[in-house]
């Protein structure tokens, strides 16, 4: 993976570090919109129940649940992860890139 975007570079470095440290494998590929009819079916289920069948065909064995969002818990989790995932801040030569 490669990017000219400084923020994306940090994410790519983090993913690469996790792959190496934890024996993980990340991959991504582009699927054009005309070939990806199920792209947002999961997020559209509440608006139209016909999307439920379409989404189910993509994710057999998975069921949708309504998560409870614990913002305080997420903040603490992020702090714990950040302590164990030291990444140097990227050098910015041009702030217009942000």
Protein backbone atom coordinates (compact mmCIF):
# COMPACT_ATOMS: atom_id res chain seq x y z
CA UNK A 1 0.00 0.00 0.00
CA UNK A 2 1.16 3.49 -0.75
CA UNK A 3 -0.19 7.00 -0.47
CA UNK A 4 0.94 10.59 -0.84
CA UNK A 5 -1.48 11.67 1.89
CA UNK A 6 0.39 12.18 5.21
CA UNK A 7 -2.55 10.94 7.29
CA UNK A 8 -2.92 7.83 5.16
CA UNK A 9 0.82 7.21 5.48
CA UNK A 10 0.51 7.10 9.28
CA UNK A 11 -2.38 4.63 9.03
CA UNK A 12 -0.45 2.47 6.56
CA UNK A 13 2.59 2.46 8.86
CA UNK A 14 0.40 1.49 11.80
CA UNK A 15 -1.22 -1.35 9.85
CA UNK A 16 2.20 -2.56 8.70
CA UNK A 17 3.52 -2.49 12.25
CA UNK A 18 0.49 -4.46 13.48
CA UNK A 19 0.94 -7.00 10.67
CA UNK A 20 4.55 -7.56 11.68
CA UNK A 21 4.00 -7.51 15.43
CA UNK A 22 0.86 -9.63 15.62
CA UNK A 23 1.16 -11.83 12.50
CA UNK A 24 -1.87 -10.16 10.90
CA UNK A 25 -2.65 -9.72 7.22
CA UNK A 26 -4.57 -6.71 5.89
CA UNK A 27 -5.64 -6.26 2.29
CA UNK A 28 -7.97 -4.01 0.34
CA UNK A 29 -9.20 -3.76 -3.21
CA UNK A 30 -11.52 -1.49 -5.13
CA UNK A 31 -14.91 -2.77 -6.32
CA UNK A 32 -16.64 -0.40 -8.72
CA UNK A 33 -20.10 0.81 -7.74
CA UNK A 34 -21.78 -0.87 -10.70
CA UNK A 35 -20.47 -4.25 -9.51
CA UNK A 36 -21.02 -3.65 -5.80
CA UNK A 37 -24.80 -3.71 -5.34
CA UNK A 38 -24.44 -4.81 -1.70
CA UNK A 39 -22.12 -1.96 -0.72
CA UNK A 40 -24.40 -0.21 1.76
CA UNK A 41 -27.12 -2.82 2.19
CA UNK A 42 -26.20 -3.30 5.86
CA UNK A 43 -26.54 0.37 6.70
CA UNK A 44 -29.82 0.66 4.77
CA UNK A 45 -31.64 -2.22 6.51
CA UNK A 46 -33.54 0.11 8.90
CA UNK A 47 -34.83 2.20 5.97
CA UNK A 48 -35.96 -0.71 3.79
CA UNK A 49 -36.27 -4.31 4.95
CA UNK A 50 -35.57 -5.62 1.42
CA UNK A 51 -31.92 -4.77 2.05
CA UNK A 52 -31.82 -7.33 4.87
CA UNK A 53 -31.93 -10.24 2.40
CA UNK A 54 -29.29 -8.65 0.18
CA UNK A 55 -27.01 -8.03 3.16
CA UNK A 56 -27.60 -11.54 4.53
CA UNK A 57 -26.33 -13.03 1.27
CA UNK A 58 -23.04 -11.19 1.83
CA UNK A 59 -22.68 -12.04 5.51
CA UNK A 60 -24.04 -15.54 6.26
CA UNK A 61 -23.96 -16.35 9.96
CA UNK A 62 -23.77 -12.70 10.99
CA UNK A 63 -26.58 -10.82 12.69
CA UNK A 64 -27.01 -7.09 13.16
CA UNK A 65 -27.12 -5.73 16.67
CA UNK A 66 -27.46 -2.22 17.97
CA UNK A 67 -24.19 -1.40 19.74
CA UNK A 68 -24.04 0.70 22.83
CA UNK A 69 -21.43 3.39 22.44
CA UNK A 70 -19.34 4.01 25.52
CA UNK A 71 -17.40 7.14 24.60
CA UNK A 72 -15.55 7.19 27.91
CA UNK A 73 -14.56 3.56 27.42
CA UNK A 74 -13.39 4.27 23.86
CA UNK A 75 -11.21 7.10 25.10
CA UNK A 76 -9.59 4.85 27.69
CA UNK A 77 -9.15 2.07 25.14
CA UNK A 78 -7.50 4.46 22.67
CA UNK A 79 -5.12 5.66 25.38
CA UNK A 80 -4.17 2.06 26.24
CA UNK A 81 -3.59 1.16 22.59
CA UNK A 82 -1.58 4.34 22.02
CA UNK A 83 0.73 3.47 24.92
CA UNK A 84 1.61 0.15 23.26
CA UNK A 85 1.69 1.44 19.69
CA UNK A 86 4.38 4.09 19.60
CA UNK A 87 4.41 5.87 16.28
CA UNK A 88 6.55 8.89 15.58
CA UNK A 89 4.66 11.89 14.33
CA UNK A 90 5.21 12.28 10.61
CA UNK A 91 7.33 15.21 9.55
CA UNK A 92 5.19 17.71 7.70
CA UNK A 93 6.94 19.81 5.13
CA UNK A 94 3.79 21.52 3.92
CA UNK A 95 0.73 22.08 6.10
CA UNK A 96 -1.39 22.55 2.95
CA UNK A 97 -1.25 18.76 2.55
CA UNK A 98 -3.50 18.38 5.59
